[in-house]
Amino acid sequence: MISPLLTSVRLDFARVEIFEDFVIVTINEGVVVNLPEREKLFHLFEHYFEGRPFAYISNRKNDYTVDPTSYLQKDEQLNLLGMAVICYSKDSERTANFEKSFYKRPFKVFDSFLNAKKWIATLEFSN
């Protein structure tokens, strides 16, 4: 699944790169991601994917915090198939693995975009 970049959107807390079947989200340094930030992302996803299935790649190149309880919030309206998290340090990897226990969909930690994209290609994209 190699799809071209369709657009890039700058939010007040992140950069979101929209591809045909997935997004890459890079959260800004020092941000605390909670329900309001997730809702902004969901709104953007609903606009660009309009009910089509997609996957999420979290590019954890910056140091920020995710409130893992925000994963427990209702988000069934999205056709989000799974989340790949790219970590650049052992601390980031440990944090992502902790967050994984709160997430209800496929969630996997990687050390490269290539491996993350290969895993995303294994997800079921049929409606």
C-alpha atoms as a PDB file:
ATOM      1  CA  MET A   1       0.000   0.000   0.000  1.00  0.00           C
ATOM      2  CA  ILE A   2       1.973   2.952  -1.267  1.00  0.00           C
ATOM      3  CA  SER A   3      -0.347   5.862  -1.711  1.00  0.00           C
ATOM      4  CA  PRO A   4       0.613   9.446  -2.491  1.00  0.00           C
ATOM      5  CA  LEU A   5       0.206  12.258  -0.006  1.00  0.00           C
ATOM      6  CA  LEU A   6      -3.184  13.856  -0.680  1.00  0.00           C
ATOM      7  CA  THR A   7      -2.854  16.823   1.660  1.00  0.00           C
ATOM      8  CA  SER A   8      -1.201  18.057   4.825  1.00  0.00           C
ATOM      9  CA  VAL A   9      -3.178  19.849   7.521  1.00  0.00           C
ATOM     10  CA  ARG A  10      -1.699  21.918  10.350  1.00  0.00           C
ATOM     11  CA  LEU A  11      -3.715  21.899  13.583  1.00  0.00           C
ATOM     12  CA  ASP A  12      -2.834  23.956  16.651  1.00  0.00           C
ATOM     13  CA  PHE A  13      -1.303  20.835  18.274  1.00  0.00           C
ATOM     14  CA  ALA A  14      -0.206  18.631  15.344  1.00  0.00           C
ATOM     15  CA  ARG A  15       0.604  18.123  11.685  1.00  0.00           C
ATOM     16  CA  VAL A  16      -1.650  15.611   9.906  1.00  0.00           C
ATOM     17  CA  GLU A  17      -0.640  14.089   6.588  1.00  0.00           C
ATOM     18  CA  ILE A  18      -3.579  12.542   4.732  1.00  0.00           C
ATOM     19  CA  PHE A  19      -2.972   9.635   2.359  1.00  0.00           C
ATOM     20  CA  GLU A  20      -5.553   7.525   0.523  1.00  0.00           C
ATOM     21  CA  ASP A  21      -5.770   4.767   3.166  1.00  0.00           C
ATOM     22  CA  PHE A  22      -3.940   6.159   6.194  1.00  0.00           C
ATOM     23  CA  VAL A  23      -2.880   9.265   8.069  1.00  0.00           C
ATOM     24  CA  ILE A  24       0.415  10.191   9.672  1.00  0.00           C
ATOM     25  CA  VAL A  25      -0.011  12.379  12.737  1.00  0.00           C
ATOM     26  CA  THR A  26       2.931  14.196  14.297  1.00  0.00           C
ATOM     27  CA  ILE A  27       1.948  15.806  17.598  1.00  0.00           C
ATOM     28  CA  ASN A  28       3.833  18.959  18.608  1.00  0.00           C
ATOM     29  CA  GLU A  29       6.387  18.956  21.408  1.00  0.00           C
ATOM     30  CA  GLY A  30       4.944  19.292  24.937  1.00  0.00           C
ATOM     31  CA  VAL A  31       1.279  18.749  24.009  1.00  0.00           C
ATOM     32  CA  VAL A  32      -1.073  16.770  26.254  1.00  0.00           C
ATOM     33  CA  VAL A  33      -3.417  14.792  23.989  1.00  0.00           C
ATOM     34  CA  ASN A  34      -6.809  14.388  25.594  1.00  0.00           C
ATOM     35  CA  LEU A  35     -10.403  14.205  24.407  1.00  0.00           C
ATOM     36  CA  PRO A  36     -10.550  17.717  22.802  1.00  0.00           C
ATOM     37  CA  GLU A  37      -7.505  16.964  20.631  1.00  0.00           C
ATOM     38  CA  ARG A  38      -8.891  13.552  19.683  1.00  0.00           C
ATOM     39  CA  GLU A  39     -12.211  15.169  18.707  1.00  0.00           C
ATOM     40  CA  LYS A  40     -10.393  17.612  16.393  1.00  0.00           C
ATOM     41  CA  LEU A  41      -8.582  14.703  14.767  1.00  0.00           C
ATOM     42  CA  PHE A  42     -11.819  12.706  14.424  1.00  0.00           C
ATOM     43  CA  HIS A  43     -13.531  15.668  12.756  1.00  0.00           C
ATOM     44  CA  LEU A  44     -10.672  15.892  10.271  1.00  0.00           C
ATOM     45  CA  PHE A  45     -10.784  12.129   9.618  1.00  0.00           C
ATOM     46  CA  GLU A  46     -14.548  12.213   9.039  1.00  0.00           C
ATOM     47  CA  HIS A  47     -14.050  15.015   6.513  1.00  0.00           C
ATOM     48  CA  TYR A  48     -11.291  13.318   4.505  1.00  0.00           C
ATOM     49  CA  PHE A  49     -12.296   9.666   4.780  1.00  0.00           C
ATOM     50  CA  GLU A  50     -16.120  10.029   4.763  1.00  0.00           C
ATOM     51  CA  GLY A  51     -16.766   6.566   6.206  1.00  0.00           C
ATOM     52  CA  ARG A  52     -13.987   4.805   4.268  1.00  0.00           C
ATOM     53  CA  PRO A  53     -11.688   2.584   6.312  1.00  0.00           C
ATOM     54  CA  PHE A  54      -8.235   3.956   7.131  1.00  0.00           C
ATOM     55  CA  ALA A  55      -5.295   3.412   9.465  1.00  0.00           C
ATOM     56  CA  TYR A  56      -3.446   5.823  11.764  1.00  0.00           C
ATOM     57  CA  ILE A  57       0.326   6.183  12.047  1.00  0.00           C
ATOM     58  CA  SER A  58       1.488   8.091  15.103  1.00  0.00           C
ATOM     59  CA  ASN A  59       4.897   9.633  14.425  1.00  0.00           C
ATOM     60  CA  ARG A  60       6.300  10.014  17.951  1.00  0.00           C
ATOM     61  CA  LYS A  61       9.335  12.099  17.052  1.00  0.00           C
ATOM     62  CA  ASN A  62       8.382  14.776  19.617  1.00  0.00           C
ATOM     63  CA  ASP A  63       7.984  14.411  23.360  1.00  0.00           C
ATOM     64  CA  TYR A  64       4.311  14.721  24.325  1.00  0.00           C
ATOM     65  CA  THR A  65       1.757  13.040  26.566  1.00  0.00           C
ATOM     66  CA  VAL A  66      -1.318  11.032  25.650  1.00  0.00           C
ATOM     67  CA  ASP A  67      -4.009  10.591  28.271  1.00  0.00           C
ATOM     68  CA  PRO A  68      -4.619   6.866  27.746  1.00  0.00           C
ATOM     69  CA  THR A  69      -8.133   7.104  29.181  1.00  0.00           C
ATOM     70  CA  SER A  70      -9.062   9.189  26.121  1.00  0.00           C
ATOM     71  CA  TYR A  71      -8.835   5.906  24.165  1.00  0.00           C
ATOM     72  CA  LEU A  72     -11.784   4.655  26.202  1.00  0.00           C
ATOM     73  CA  GLN A  73     -14.088   7.317  24.754  1.00  0.00           C
ATOM     74  CA  LYS A  74     -16.660   6.280  22.163  1.00  0.00           C
ATOM     75  CA  ASP A  75     -15.364   6.508  18.596  1.00  0.00           C
ATOM     76  CA  GLU A  76     -17.317   3.827  16.741  1.00  0.00           C
ATOM     77  CA  GLN A  77     -18.382   6.311  14.060  1.00  0.00           C
ATOM     78  CA  LEU A  78     -14.898   6.195  12.602  1.00  0.00           C
ATOM     79  CA  ASN A  79     -13.704   3.471  10.262  1.00  0.00           C
ATOM     80  CA  LEU A  80     -10.328   3.488  11.945  1.00  0.00           C
ATOM     81  CA  LEU A  81      -8.848   0.013  11.441  1.00  0.00           C
ATOM     82  CA  GLY A  82      -5.799   0.281  13.659  1.00  0.00           C
ATOM     83  CA  MET A  83      -2.923   2.359  14.953  1.00  0.00           C
ATOM     84  CA  ALA A  84       0.780   2.018  14.216  1.00  0.00           C
ATOM     85  CA  VAL A  85       3.050   3.948  16.575  1.00  0.00           C
ATOM     86  CA  ILE A  86       6.576   4.813  15.461  1.00  0.00           C
ATOM     87  CA  CYS A  87       8.884   5.301  18.444  1.00  0.00           C
ATOM     88  CA  TYR A  88      12.366   6.792  18.484  1.00  0.00           C
ATOM     89  CA  SER A  89      13.381   5.884  22.046  1.00  0.00           C
ATOM     90  CA  LYS A  90      12.910   3.092  24.567  1.00  0.00           C
ATOM     91  CA  ASP A  91      10.932   5.459  26.833  1.00  0.00           C
ATOM     92  CA  SER A  92       8.557   6.287  24.001  1.00  0.00           C
ATOM     93  CA  GLU A  93       8.193   2.587  23.216  1.00  0.00           C
ATOM     94  CA  ARG A  94       7.368   1.750  26.854  1.00  0.00           C
ATOM     95  CA  THR A  95       4.780   4.535  26.953  1.00  0.00           C
ATOM     96  CA  ALA A  96       3.164   3.380  23.699  1.00  0.00           C
ATOM     97  CA  ASN A  97       2.986  -0.203  24.964  1.00  0.00           C
ATOM     98  CA  PHE A  98       1.253   1.057  28.121  1.00  0.00           C
ATOM     99  CA  GLU A  99      -1.263   3.020  26.010  1.00  0.00           C
ATOM    100  CA  LYS A 100      -1.920  -0.125  23.974  1.00  0.00           C
ATOM    101  CA  SER A 101      -3.735  -1.690  26.932  1.00  0.00           C
ATOM    102  CA  PHE A 102      -6.371   1.070  26.715  1.00  0.00           C
ATOM    103  CA  TYR A 103      -6.899   0.912  22.951  1.00  0.00           C
ATOM    104  CA  LYS A 104      -9.675  -1.333  21.585  1.00  0.00           C
ATOM    105  CA  ARG A 105      -8.432  -1.775  18.016  1.00  0.00           C
ATOM    106  CA  PRO A 106      -5.255  -3.232  16.547  1.00  0.00           C
ATOM    107  CA  PHE A 107      -2.292  -1.272  17.921  1.00  0.00           C
ATOM    108  CA  LYS A 108       1.346  -2.024  17.202  1.00  0.00           C
ATOM    109  CA  VAL A 109       4.638  -0.297  17.984  1.00  0.00           C
ATOM    110  CA  PHE A 110       7.368   0.073  15.330  1.00  0.00           C
ATOM    111  CA  ASP A 111      10.799   1.610  14.890  1.00  0.00           C
ATOM    112  CA  SER A 112      10.328   2.610  11.237  1.00  0.00           C
ATOM    113  CA  PHE A 113       7.743   3.917   8.791  1.00  0.00           C
ATOM    114  CA  LEU A 114       8.477   1.036   6.444  1.00  0.00           C
ATOM    115  CA  ASN A 115       7.520  -1.605   9.014  1.00  0.00           C
ATOM    116  CA  ALA A 116       4.471   0.384  10.100  1.00  0.00           C
ATOM    117  CA  LYS A 117       3.238   0.682   6.505  1.00  0.00           C
ATOM    118  CA  LYS A 118       3.810  -3.040   5.908  1.00  0.00           C
ATOM    119  CA  TRP A 119       1.681  -3.850   8.967  1.00  0.00           C
ATOM    120  CA  ILE A 120      -1.059  -1.430   7.860  1.00  0.00           C
ATOM    121  CA  ALA A 121      -1.178  -3.251   4.524  1.00  0.00           C
ATOM    122  CA  THR A 122      -2.232  -6.413   6.432  1.00  0.00           C
ATOM    123  CA  LEU A 123      -5.322  -4.722   7.891  1.00  0.00           C
ATOM    124  CA  GLU A 124      -8.713  -5.465   6.308  1.00  0.00           C
ATOM    125  CA  PHE A 125      -9.746  -2.460   4.189  1.00  0.00           C
ATOM    126  CA  SER A 126     -12.952  -3.830   2.686  1.00  0.00           C
ATOM    127  CA  ASN A 127     -16.172  -2.097   3.743  1.00  0.00           C
END
